[in-house]
Amino acid sequence: MTPEQITLVQESWAKVVPIKETAAELFYGRLFAEYPEVKPYFKGDMTEQGKLLMQMISTAVNGLENLDALLEPVKALGSRHKDYGVKQADYDKVGASLLWTLEQGLKEDFTEEVKAAWTETYTIVADVMIGGAEYAN
């Protein structure tokens, strides 16, 4: 990632954080509406799940300047998601739902540059998670 992309992701995320509960609701609403087959992965309290999602995204966004430090925790996250039944194809569904959620929350601030930066960020995180899931085999 370029320093400019990191800045775009961090600045745009700072605008989402104040509405993180709503963002989590939008995200899961979209994910389940578009991809109902993933809903069985989520068995717990969705409010709590939303908080965990927002924490995970914040951790990733805040760690973009030091991706090496994120590798092991993100790999471990991928391994846990494999245990939940998440398949590699499901990562694209999550990515699409995340971008849609960001677009809803950021409105006119969701520029093509911001979208590209978030796409790069999610691709990196998803690839590491998938690697963690494969390593768990």
N, C-alpha and C. Protein backbone atom coordinates (compact mmCIF):
# COMPACT_ATOMS: atom_id res chain seq x y z
N MET A 1 0.85 -1.19 0.00
CA MET A 1 0.00 0.00 0.00
C MET A 1 0.88 1.23 0.00
N THR A 2 0.39 2.25 -0.67
CA THR A 2 1.14 3.50 -0.68
C THR A 2 0.80 4.30 0.59
N PRO A 3 1.68 5.22 0.97
CA PRO A 3 1.35 6.09 2.11
C PRO A 3 0.05 6.87 1.89
N GLU A 4 -0.21 7.24 0.64
CA GLU A 4 -1.45 7.98 0.34
C GLU A 4 -2.67 7.10 0.58
N GLN A 5 -2.59 5.83 0.18
CA GLN A 5 -3.71 4.91 0.41
C GLN A 5 -3.94 4.70 1.90
N ILE A 6 -2.86 4.57 2.65
CA ILE A 6 -2.99 4.40 4.09
C ILE A 6 -3.68 5.61 4.70
N THR A 7 -3.28 6.79 4.28
CA THR A 7 -3.90 8.02 4.80
C THR A 7 -5.38 8.06 4.44
N LEU A 8 -5.72 7.71 3.20
CA LEU A 8 -7.13 7.72 2.79
C LEU A 8 -7.96 6.76 3.64
N VAL A 9 -7.44 5.57 3.88
CA VAL A 9 -8.17 4.59 4.68
C VAL A 9 -8.32 5.09 6.11
N GLN A 10 -7.25 5.58 6.68
CA GLN A 10 -7.31 6.03 8.07
C GLN A 10 -8.22 7.25 8.24
N GLU A 11 -8.14 8.20 7.32
CA GLU A 11 -9.00 9.39 7.43
C GLU A 11 -10.46 9.04 7.21
N SER A 12 -10.74 8.15 6.27
CA SER A 12 -12.14 7.78 6.03
C SER A 12 -12.68 6.94 7.18
N TRP A 13 -11.86 6.07 7.75
CA TRP A 13 -12.31 5.27 8.89
C TRP A 13 -12.63 6.16 10.08
N ALA A 14 -11.85 7.22 10.26
CA ALA A 14 -12.11 8.16 11.37
C ALA A 14 -13.51 8.76 11.25
N LYS A 15 -14.04 8.86 10.04
CA LYS A 15 -15.39 9.38 9.83
C LYS A 15 -16.45 8.32 10.12
N VAL A 16 -16.08 7.06 10.02
CA VAL A 16 -17.02 5.96 10.28
C VAL A 16 -17.12 5.65 11.77
N VAL A 17 -16.02 5.79 12.49
CA VAL A 17 -15.98 5.41 13.91
C VAL A 17 -17.12 6.02 14.72
N PRO A 18 -17.47 7.31 14.53
CA PRO A 18 -18.58 7.86 15.33
C PRO A 18 -19.93 7.19 15.06
N ILE A 19 -20.06 6.53 13.91
CA ILE A 19 -21.32 5.85 13.57
C ILE A 19 -21.10 4.33 13.48
N LYS A 20 -20.14 3.82 14.24
CA LYS A 20 -19.75 2.42 14.08
C LYS A 20 -20.87 1.43 14.37
N GLU A 21 -21.76 1.74 15.32
CA GLU A 21 -22.87 0.81 15.59
C GLU A 21 -23.79 0.73 14.37
N THR A 22 -24.10 1.88 13.80
CA THR A 22 -24.93 1.90 12.60
C THR A 22 -24.22 1.23 11.44
N ALA A 23 -22.92 1.47 11.32
CA ALA A 23 -22.15 0.85 10.25
C ALA A 23 -22.18 -0.67 10.37
N ALA A 24 -22.05 -1.18 11.59
CA ALA A 24 -22.10 -2.63 11.80
C ALA A 24 -23.46 -3.19 11.40
N GLU A 25 -24.53 -2.48 11.79
CA GLU A 25 -25.88 -2.92 11.41
C GLU A 25 -26.05 -2.92 9.90
N LEU A 26 -25.58 -1.86 9.24
CA LEU A 26 -25.65 -1.79 7.78
C LEU A 26 -24.88 -2.94 7.14
N PHE A 27 -23.68 -3.17 7.65
CA PHE A 27 -22.83 -4.22 7.10
C PHE A 27 -23.52 -5.58 7.17
N TYR A 28 -23.95 -5.97 8.36
CA TYR A 28 -24.55 -7.29 8.51
C TYR A 28 -25.90 -7.38 7.80
N GLY A 29 -26.65 -6.29 7.78
CA GLY A 29 -27.90 -6.27 7.02
C GLY A 29 -27.66 -6.54 5.55
N ARG A 30 -26.66 -5.87 5.00
CA ARG A 30 -26.32 -6.06 3.59
C ARG A 30 -25.77 -7.48 3.34
N LEU A 31 -24.86 -7.90 4.20
CA LEU A 31 -24.25 -9.22 4.03
C LEU A 31 -25.32 -10.31 4.01
N PHE A 32 -26.24 -10.26 4.96
CA PHE A 32 -27.27 -11.30 5.06
C PHE A 32 -28.33 -11.18 3.96
N ALA A 33 -28.61 -9.95 3.52
CA ALA A 33 -29.59 -9.77 2.44
C ALA A 33 -29.04 -10.27 1.11
N GLU A 34 -27.79 -9.97 0.85
CA GLU A 34 -27.18 -10.35 -0.43
C GLU A 34 -26.67 -11.79 -0.44
N TYR A 35 -26.25 -12.27 0.72
CA TYR A 35 -25.62 -13.59 0.81
C TYR A 35 -26.19 -14.36 2.00
N PRO A 36 -27.46 -14.74 1.95
CA PRO A 36 -28.08 -15.39 3.11
C PRO A 36 -27.39 -16.70 3.51
N GLU A 37 -26.64 -17.27 2.61
CA GLU A 37 -25.96 -18.52 2.93
C GLU A 37 -24.87 -18.36 4.00
N VAL A 38 -24.44 -17.13 4.27
CA VAL A 38 -23.41 -16.94 5.30
C VAL A 38 -24.00 -16.75 6.70
N LYS A 39 -25.29 -16.52 6.78
CA LYS A 39 -25.90 -16.24 8.08
C LYS A 39 -25.68 -17.34 9.11
N PRO A 40 -25.68 -18.62 8.73
CA PRO A 40 -25.45 -19.67 9.74
C PRO A 40 -24.09 -19.59 10.44
N TYR A 41 -23.14 -18.86 9.87
CA TYR A 41 -21.84 -18.71 10.53
C TYR A 41 -21.95 -17.89 11.81
N PHE A 42 -23.01 -17.12 11.92
CA PHE A 42 -23.15 -16.16 13.02
C PHE A 42 -24.20 -16.67 14.00
N LYS A 43 -23.74 -17.20 15.10
CA LYS A 43 -24.65 -17.83 16.06
C LYS A 43 -24.86 -17.01 17.32
N GLY A 44 -24.04 -16.00 17.54
CA GLY A 44 -24.10 -15.24 18.78
C GLY A 44 -24.89 -13.96 18.66
N ASP A 45 -24.72 -13.12 19.64
CA ASP A 45 -25.35 -11.80 19.71
C ASP A 45 -24.77 -10.92 18.62
N MET A 46 -25.61 -10.46 17.70
CA MET A 46 -25.13 -9.68 16.57
C MET A 46 -24.65 -8.29 16.97
N THR A 47 -25.17 -7.75 18.05
CA THR A 47 -24.66 -6.46 18.53
C THR A 47 -23.21 -6.63 18.97
N GLU A 48 -22.95 -7.70 19.69
CA GLU A 48 -21.57 -8.00 20.12
C GLU A 48 -20.69 -8.31 18.92
N GLN A 49 -21.22 -9.05 17.97
CA GLN A 49 -20.47 -9.37 16.75
C GLN A 49 -20.11 -8.09 16.00
N GLY A 50 -21.05 -7.14 15.95
CA GLY A 50 -20.78 -5.86 15.30
C GLY A 50 -19.66 -5.10 15.99
N LYS A 51 -19.65 -5.15 17.32
CA LYS A 51 -18.57 -4.49 18.07
C LYS A 51 -17.23 -5.13 17.75
N LEU A 52 -17.21 -6.46 17.68
CA LEU A 52 -15.97 -7.16 17.36
C LEU A 52 -15.48 -6.82 15.96
N LEU A 53 -16.42 -6.74 15.02
CA LEU A 53 -16.06 -6.37 13.65
C LEU A 53 -15.43 -4.98 13.61
N MET A 54 -16.07 -4.03 14.27
CA MET A 54 -15.55 -2.67 14.27
C MET A 54 -14.18 -2.59 14.95
N GLN A 55 -13.99 -3.36 16.02
CA GLN A 55 -12.68 -3.41 16.68
C GLN A 55 -11.63 -3.98 15.75
N MET A 56 -11.97 -5.05 15.05
CA MET A 56 -11.02 -5.68 14.14
C MET A 56 -10.63 -4.73 13.02
N ILE A 57 -11.62 -4.04 12.46
CA ILE A 57 -11.31 -3.09 11.39
C ILE A 57 -10.44 -1.96 11.93
N SER A 58 -10.77 -1.45 13.10
CA SER A 58 -9.96 -0.39 13.70
C SER A 58 -8.52 -0.84 13.92
N THR A 59 -8.35 -2.05 14.40
CA THR A 59 -7.00 -2.58 14.61
C THR A 59 -6.23 -2.65 13.30
N ALA A 60 -6.89 -3.16 12.27
CA ALA A 60 -6.24 -3.25 10.96
C ALA A 60 -5.90 -1.87 10.41
N VAL A 61 -6.85 -0.95 10.47
CA VAL A 61 -6.64 0.40 9.94
C VAL A 61 -5.51 1.10 10.69
N ASN A 62 -5.51 0.97 12.00
CA ASN A 62 -4.48 1.63 12.80
C ASN A 62 -3.11 0.99 12.65
N GLY A 63 -3.08 -0.23 12.14
CA GLY A 63 -1.81 -0.93 11.98
C GLY A 63 -1.26 -0.94 10.56
N LEU A 64 -1.86 -0.17 9.69
CA LEU A 64 -1.45 -0.21 8.29
C LEU A 64 -0.01 0.24 8.06
N GLU A 65 0.52 1.09 8.94
CA GLU A 65 1.91 1.52 8.77
C GLU A 65 2.89 0.42 9.14
N ASN A 66 2.43 -0.59 9.86
CA ASN A 66 3.31 -1.68 10.29
C ASN A 66 2.60 -3.01 10.04
N LEU A 67 2.47 -3.35 8.76
CA LEU A 67 1.73 -4.56 8.39
C LEU A 67 2.34 -5.83 8.99
N ASP A 68 3.65 -5.85 9.16
CA ASP A 68 4.28 -7.05 9.72
C ASP A 68 3.71 -7.39 11.10
N ALA A 69 3.42 -6.36 11.89
CA ALA A 69 2.87 -6.59 13.23
C ALA A 69 1.45 -7.15 13.18
N LEU A 70 0.76 -6.92 12.07
CA LEU A 70 -0.61 -7.42 11.93
C LEU A 70 -0.67 -8.86 11.45
N LEU A 71 0.41 -9.35 10.86
CA LEU A 71 0.35 -10.65 10.20
C LEU A 71 -0.12 -11.78 11.10
N GLU A 72 0.51 -11.96 12.24
CA GLU A 72 0.14 -13.10 13.09
C GLU A 72 -1.28 -13.01 13.63
N PRO A 73 -1.70 -11.83 14.16
CA PRO A 73 -3.09 -11.76 14.63
C PRO A 73 -4.12 -11.99 13.51
N VAL A 74 -3.82 -11.50 12.31
CA VAL A 74 -4.76 -11.66 11.20
C VAL A 74 -4.76 -13.11 10.72
N LYS A 75 -3.61 -13.75 10.70
CA LYS A 75 -3.56 -15.18 10.36
C LYS A 75 -4.39 -15.99 11.36
N ALA A 76 -4.23 -15.68 12.63
CA ALA A 76 -4.99 -16.39 13.67
C ALA A 76 -6.49 -16.17 13.49
N LEU A 77 -6.86 -14.96 13.10
CA LEU A 77 -8.27 -14.66 12.83
C LEU A 77 -8.77 -15.53 11.68
N GLY A 78 -7.96 -15.68 10.65
CA GLY A 78 -8.33 -16.53 9.52
C GLY A 78 -8.51 -17.98 9.94
N SER A 79 -7.64 -18.44 10.80
CA SER A 79 -7.74 -19.82 11.31
C SER A 79 -9.05 -20.01 12.08
N ARG A 80 -9.39 -19.03 12.92
CA ARG A 80 -10.65 -19.12 13.68
C ARG A 80 -11.85 -19.11 12.74
N HIS A 81 -11.79 -18.27 11.71
CA HIS A 81 -12.92 -18.21 10.78
C HIS A 81 -13.09 -19.53 10.02
N LYS A 82 -11.99 -20.21 9.75
CA LYS A 82 -12.10 -21.53 9.13
C LYS A 82 -12.86 -22.47 10.05
N ASP A 83 -12.57 -22.39 11.35
CA ASP A 83 -13.27 -23.22 12.32
C ASP A 83 -14.77 -22.93 12.35
N TYR A 84 -15.15 -21.69 12.01
CA TYR A 84 -16.58 -21.33 11.97
C TYR A 84 -17.25 -21.83 10.70
N GLY A 85 -16.46 -22.32 9.75
CA GLY A 85 -17.01 -22.81 8.49
C GLY A 85 -16.85 -21.85 7.32
N VAL A 86 -16.19 -20.73 7.54
CA VAL A 86 -16.01 -19.73 6.48
C VAL A 86 -15.13 -20.32 5.38
N LYS A 87 -15.58 -20.12 4.13
CA LYS A 87 -14.85 -20.62 2.97
C LYS A 87 -14.17 -19.46 2.26
N GLN A 88 -13.19 -19.78 1.45
CA GLN A 88 -12.44 -18.74 0.74
C GLN A 88 -13.37 -17.84 -0.07
N ALA A 89 -14.38 -18.41 -0.72
CA ALA A 89 -15.30 -17.61 -1.53
C ALA A 89 -16.09 -16.61 -0.70
N ASP A 90 -16.23 -16.85 0.59
CA ASP A 90 -17.00 -15.95 1.45
C ASP A 90 -16.29 -14.61 1.66
N TYR A 91 -14.99 -14.58 1.50
CA TYR A 91 -14.25 -13.33 1.71
C TYR A 91 -14.66 -12.26 0.71
N ASP A 92 -14.95 -12.65 -0.53
CA ASP A 92 -15.41 -11.67 -1.51
C ASP A 92 -16.77 -11.09 -1.12
N LYS A 93 -17.61 -11.90 -0.52
CA LYS A 93 -18.93 -11.43 -0.07
C LYS A 93 -18.78 -10.40 1.03
N VAL A 94 -17.88 -10.67 1.95
CA VAL A 94 -17.62 -9.73 3.04
C VAL A 94 -17.02 -8.44 2.49
N GLY A 95 -16.08 -8.57 1.56
CA GLY A 95 -15.46 -7.39 0.97
C GLY A 95 -16.47 -6.51 0.26
N ALA A 96 -17.36 -7.12 -0.51
CA ALA A 96 -18.39 -6.35 -1.21
C ALA A 96 -19.32 -5.65 -0.21
N SER A 97 -19.67 -6.34 0.85
CA SER A 97 -20.55 -5.75 1.86
C SER A 97 -19.85 -4.63 2.62
N LEU A 98 -18.56 -4.79 2.86
CA LEU A 98 -17.80 -3.73 3.53
C LEU A 98 -17.74 -2.48 2.66
N LEU A 99 -17.42 -2.64 1.39
CA LEU A 99 -17.34 -1.47 0.50
C LEU A 99 -18.70 -0.78 0.40
N TRP A 100 -19.76 -1.55 0.31
CA TRP A 100 -21.11 -0.97 0.25
C TRP A 100 -21.39 -0.18 1.53
N THR A 101 -21.04 -0.75 2.66
CA THR A 101 -21.26 -0.08 3.95
C THR A 101 -20.48 1.23 4.02
N LEU A 102 -19.24 1.19 3.60
CA LEU A 102 -18.43 2.42 3.60
C LEU A 102 -19.03 3.47 2.69
N GLU A 103 -19.53 3.04 1.55
CA GLU A 103 -20.17 3.98 0.62
C GLU A 103 -21.40 4.63 1.26
N GLN A 104 -22.19 3.83 1.97
CA GLN A 104 -23.38 4.37 2.63
C GLN A 104 -23.00 5.36 3.73
N GLY A 105 -21.98 5.01 4.49
CA GLY A 105 -21.59 5.84 5.63
C GLY A 105 -20.84 7.10 5.25
N LEU A 106 -20.00 6.98 4.22
CA LEU A 106 -19.15 8.12 3.84
C LEU A 106 -19.81 9.03 2.81
N LYS A 107 -20.81 8.51 2.11
CA LYS A 107 -21.53 9.27 1.09
C LYS A 107 -20.55 9.88 0.09
N GLU A 108 -20.57 11.21 -0.07
CA GLU A 108 -19.73 11.86 -1.09
C GLU A 108 -18.23 11.74 -0.79
N ASP A 109 -17.89 11.39 0.43
CA ASP A 109 -16.47 11.19 0.76
C ASP A 109 -15.95 9.82 0.31
N PHE A 110 -16.84 8.98 -0.19
CA PHE A 110 -16.43 7.67 -0.71
C PHE A 110 -16.07 7.84 -2.18
N THR A 111 -14.90 8.42 -2.40
CA THR A 111 -14.42 8.69 -3.76
C THR A 111 -13.83 7.42 -4.37
N GLU A 112 -13.53 7.49 -5.65
CA GLU A 112 -12.88 6.34 -6.30
C GLU A 112 -11.54 6.02 -5.65
N GLU A 113 -10.83 7.08 -5.23
CA GLU A 113 -9.53 6.86 -4.57
C GLU A 113 -9.71 6.17 -3.22
N VAL A 114 -10.72 6.59 -2.47
CA VAL A 114 -11.00 5.96 -1.18
C VAL A 114 -11.42 4.50 -1.40
N LYS A 115 -12.26 4.28 -2.38
CA LYS A 115 -12.70 2.91 -2.69
C LYS A 115 -11.50 2.03 -3.05
N ALA A 116 -10.60 2.55 -3.87
CA ALA A 116 -9.42 1.77 -4.28
C ALA A 116 -8.53 1.47 -3.07
N ALA A 117 -8.38 2.45 -2.18
CA ALA A 117 -7.55 2.25 -0.99
C ALA A 117 -8.16 1.19 -0.07
N TRP A 118 -9.47 1.25 0.11
CA TRP A 118 -10.14 0.25 0.95
C TRP A 118 -10.10 -1.13 0.29
N THR A 119 -10.24 -1.17 -1.02
CA THR A 119 -10.16 -2.45 -1.73
C THR A 119 -8.79 -3.08 -1.52
N GLU A 120 -7.74 -2.27 -1.61
CA GLU A 120 -6.38 -2.77 -1.37
C GLU A 120 -6.23 -3.26 0.07
N THR A 121 -6.73 -2.48 1.01
CA THR A 121 -6.65 -2.86 2.42
C THR A 121 -7.35 -4.18 2.67
N TYR A 122 -8.59 -4.29 2.18
CA TYR A 122 -9.34 -5.51 2.42
C TYR A 122 -8.68 -6.71 1.73
N THR A 123 -8.16 -6.50 0.53
CA THR A 123 -7.50 -7.59 -0.19
C THR A 123 -6.32 -8.13 0.61
N ILE A 124 -5.53 -7.22 1.18
CA ILE A 124 -4.39 -7.64 1.99
C ILE A 124 -4.86 -8.44 3.21
N VAL A 125 -5.83 -7.89 3.94
CA VAL A 125 -6.32 -8.57 5.14
C VAL A 125 -6.93 -9.93 4.79
N ALA A 126 -7.76 -9.96 3.75
CA ALA A 126 -8.40 -11.22 3.36
C ALA A 126 -7.37 -12.25 2.93
N ASP A 127 -6.36 -11.82 2.16
CA ASP A 127 -5.33 -12.76 1.72
C ASP A 127 -4.58 -13.37 2.91
N VAL A 128 -4.27 -12.54 3.90
CA VAL A 128 -3.57 -13.05 5.09
C VAL A 128 -4.49 -13.99 5.88
N MET A 129 -5.77 -13.63 6.00
CA MET A 129 -6.71 -14.51 6.71
C MET A 129 -6.84 -15.84 5.99
N ILE A 130 -6.94 -15.80 4.67
CA ILE A 130 -7.05 -17.03 3.89
C ILE A 130 -5.79 -17.88 4.08
N GLY A 131 -4.64 -17.22 4.09
CA GLY A 131 -3.39 -17.93 4.35
C GLY A 131 -3.39 -18.57 5.73
N GLY A 132 -3.91 -17.86 6.71
CA GLY A 132 -4.01 -18.41 8.06
C GLY A 132 -4.93 -19.61 8.11
N ALA A 133 -6.02 -19.55 7.35
CA ALA A 133 -6.96 -20.67 7.31
C ALA A 133 -6.32 -21.88 6.63
N GLU A 134 -5.57 -21.63 5.55
CA GLU A 134 -4.92 -22.73 4.84
C GLU A 134 -3.82 -23.35 5.70
N TYR A 135 -3.10 -22.52 6.43
CA TYR A 135 -2.02 -23.00 7.30
C TYR A 135 -2.58 -23.89 8.42
N ALA A 136 -3.81 -23.59 8.82
CA ALA A 136 -4.44 -24.35 9.90
C ALA A 136 -4.77 -25.78 9.47
N ASN A 137 -4.73 -26.04 8.17
CA ASN A 137 -5.05 -27.39 7.68
C ASN A 137 -4.09 -28.41 8.18
